[in-house]
N, C-alpha and C. Protein backbone atom coordinates (compact mmCIF):
# COMPACT_ATOMS: atom_id res chain seq x y z
N MET A 1 52.38 55.89 166.30
CA MET A 1 52.22 54.77 167.19
C MET A 1 51.25 55.17 168.30
N ASN A 2 50.29 54.36 168.57
CA ASN A 2 49.28 54.65 169.59
C ASN A 2 48.60 55.99 169.34
N ASP A 3 48.42 56.33 168.06
CA ASP A 3 47.79 57.59 167.67
C ASP A 3 48.54 58.83 168.16
N VAL A 4 49.83 58.70 168.43
CA VAL A 4 50.65 59.83 168.84
C VAL A 4 51.78 59.97 167.84
N SER A 5 51.88 61.14 167.24
CA SER A 5 52.93 61.38 166.25
C SER A 5 54.26 61.62 166.95
N PRO A 6 55.35 61.08 166.40
CA PRO A 6 56.67 61.34 166.98
C PRO A 6 57.13 62.76 166.66
N PHE A 7 57.97 63.30 167.51
CA PHE A 7 58.50 64.64 167.32
C PHE A 7 60.02 64.60 167.29
N VAL A 8 60.61 65.38 166.41
CA VAL A 8 62.06 65.48 166.36
C VAL A 8 62.58 66.09 167.65
N GLU A 9 61.89 67.13 168.13
CA GLU A 9 62.36 67.87 169.29
C GLU A 9 62.52 67.02 170.55
N ASP A 10 61.64 66.05 170.76
CA ASP A 10 61.72 65.27 171.99
C ASP A 10 62.44 63.93 171.80
N GLY A 11 62.98 63.70 170.61
CA GLY A 11 63.76 62.50 170.36
C GLY A 11 62.96 61.27 169.97
N THR A 12 61.64 61.39 169.82
CA THR A 12 60.83 60.22 169.48
C THR A 12 60.74 59.97 167.98
N TYR A 13 61.19 60.93 167.18
CA TYR A 13 61.20 60.73 165.73
C TYR A 13 62.41 59.89 165.39
N PRO A 14 62.25 58.76 164.69
CA PRO A 14 63.35 57.81 164.53
C PRO A 14 64.45 58.22 163.54
N PHE A 15 64.19 59.15 162.66
CA PHE A 15 65.18 59.51 161.65
C PHE A 15 65.79 60.87 161.98
N THR A 16 66.97 60.85 162.54
CA THR A 16 67.66 62.09 162.87
C THR A 16 69.09 62.01 162.36
N ARG A 17 69.73 63.16 162.25
CA ARG A 17 71.14 63.21 161.89
C ARG A 17 71.74 64.49 162.44
N ARG A 18 73.01 64.45 162.65
CA ARG A 18 73.73 65.63 163.13
C ARG A 18 74.23 66.41 161.93
N LEU A 19 74.37 67.70 162.11
CA LEU A 19 74.89 68.57 161.07
C LEU A 19 76.15 69.23 161.61
N PHE A 20 77.25 69.07 160.89
CA PHE A 20 78.53 69.63 161.33
C PHE A 20 78.96 70.73 160.37
N ILE A 21 79.63 71.73 160.92
CA ILE A 21 80.24 72.78 160.12
C ILE A 21 81.72 72.77 160.47
N VAL A 22 82.56 72.62 159.47
CA VAL A 22 84.00 72.54 159.67
C VAL A 22 84.62 73.89 159.32
N ILE A 23 85.48 74.39 160.20
CA ILE A 23 86.12 75.69 160.00
C ILE A 23 87.63 75.48 159.90
N ARG A 24 88.23 76.13 158.92
CA ARG A 24 89.69 76.05 158.75
C ARG A 24 90.39 76.66 159.97
N ARG A 25 91.62 76.23 160.20
CA ARG A 25 92.39 76.72 161.34
C ARG A 25 93.60 77.54 160.92
N ASP A 26 93.71 77.87 159.64
CA ASP A 26 94.95 78.46 159.13
C ASP A 26 94.94 79.98 159.02
N GLY A 27 93.94 80.67 159.53
CA GLY A 27 93.93 82.12 159.51
C GLY A 27 93.61 82.75 158.17
N THR A 28 93.16 81.98 157.21
CA THR A 28 92.82 82.51 155.89
C THR A 28 91.45 83.19 155.92
N PRO A 29 91.13 83.92 154.84
CA PRO A 29 89.78 84.50 154.74
C PRO A 29 88.68 83.44 154.82
N ASP A 30 88.98 82.21 154.39
CA ASP A 30 88.00 81.13 154.51
C ASP A 30 87.65 80.86 155.98
N ARG A 31 88.64 80.94 156.84
CA ARG A 31 88.40 80.74 158.28
C ARG A 31 87.51 81.85 158.81
N THR A 32 87.82 83.08 158.46
CA THR A 32 87.02 84.23 158.90
C THR A 32 85.58 84.09 158.43
N ALA A 33 85.41 83.68 157.18
CA ALA A 33 84.06 83.49 156.63
C ALA A 33 83.34 82.36 157.35
N GLY A 34 84.04 81.29 157.66
CA GLY A 34 83.44 80.16 158.37
C GLY A 34 82.96 80.55 159.76
N ILE A 35 83.76 81.33 160.46
CA ILE A 35 83.38 81.78 161.80
C ILE A 35 82.16 82.70 161.71
N ALA A 36 82.15 83.59 160.73
CA ALA A 36 81.01 84.48 160.54
C ALA A 36 79.75 83.68 160.22
N TYR A 37 79.88 82.64 159.42
CA TYR A 37 78.75 81.79 159.06
C TYR A 37 78.17 81.10 160.29
N VAL A 38 79.05 80.53 161.11
CA VAL A 38 78.59 79.86 162.33
C VAL A 38 77.91 80.85 163.26
N ASN A 39 78.51 82.02 163.43
CA ASN A 39 77.90 83.04 164.29
C ASN A 39 76.53 83.45 163.79
N MET A 40 76.38 83.56 162.47
CA MET A 40 75.08 83.90 161.90
C MET A 40 74.08 82.79 162.17
N LEU A 41 74.48 81.53 161.97
CA LEU A 41 73.56 80.41 162.20
C LEU A 41 73.12 80.32 163.66
N LEU A 42 73.99 80.71 164.58
CA LEU A 42 73.66 80.63 166.00
C LEU A 42 72.92 81.86 166.51
N SER A 43 72.82 82.89 165.69
CA SER A 43 72.09 84.09 166.09
C SER A 43 70.59 83.81 166.10
N LYS A 44 69.83 84.73 166.64
CA LYS A 44 68.37 84.57 166.69
C LYS A 44 67.79 84.42 165.28
N GLU A 45 68.22 85.27 164.36
CA GLU A 45 67.73 85.18 162.97
C GLU A 45 68.21 83.90 162.30
N GLY A 46 69.45 83.52 162.56
CA GLY A 46 69.98 82.29 161.99
C GLY A 46 69.22 81.07 162.45
N GLN A 47 68.85 81.04 163.72
CA GLN A 47 68.08 79.91 164.25
C GLN A 47 66.70 79.84 163.61
N LYS A 48 66.13 80.99 163.27
CA LYS A 48 64.86 81.00 162.55
C LYS A 48 65.03 80.38 161.17
N LEU A 49 66.15 80.70 160.50
CA LEU A 49 66.43 80.12 159.19
C LEU A 49 66.66 78.62 159.28
N VAL A 50 67.35 78.19 160.31
CA VAL A 50 67.59 76.76 160.54
C VAL A 50 66.26 76.03 160.67
N GLU A 51 65.37 76.59 161.47
CA GLU A 51 64.06 75.97 161.67
C GLU A 51 63.23 75.99 160.39
N LYS A 52 63.31 77.09 159.65
CA LYS A 52 62.57 77.20 158.38
C LYS A 52 63.06 76.15 157.38
N ALA A 53 64.34 75.80 157.45
CA ALA A 53 64.91 74.79 156.56
C ALA A 53 64.55 73.37 156.98
N GLY A 54 63.85 73.23 158.12
CA GLY A 54 63.41 71.91 158.54
C GLY A 54 64.26 71.26 159.62
N TYR A 55 65.22 72.00 160.14
CA TYR A 55 66.06 71.47 161.22
C TYR A 55 65.55 71.96 162.56
N VAL A 56 65.99 71.33 163.63
CA VAL A 56 65.62 71.75 164.97
C VAL A 56 66.67 72.76 165.44
N PRO A 57 66.25 73.97 165.81
CA PRO A 57 67.22 74.97 166.26
C PRO A 57 67.89 74.55 167.57
N LEU A 58 69.12 75.02 167.77
CA LEU A 58 69.86 74.70 168.99
C LEU A 58 69.45 75.59 170.14
N ARG A 59 68.99 76.78 169.82
CA ARG A 59 68.68 77.76 170.87
C ARG A 59 67.24 78.14 170.82
């Protein structure tokens, strides 16, 4: 629009969606794995992977 491309980062891109990760609360190995997965995604390397996959990193 007006020769300016919209950007996801600044909210001007019209097609966005949230991504949720659900973690079990029952103390099973699945919960431990879920927490490790979230921690990895939020790490510096994880955020690079998130961006490489086409998402906007949180940090």
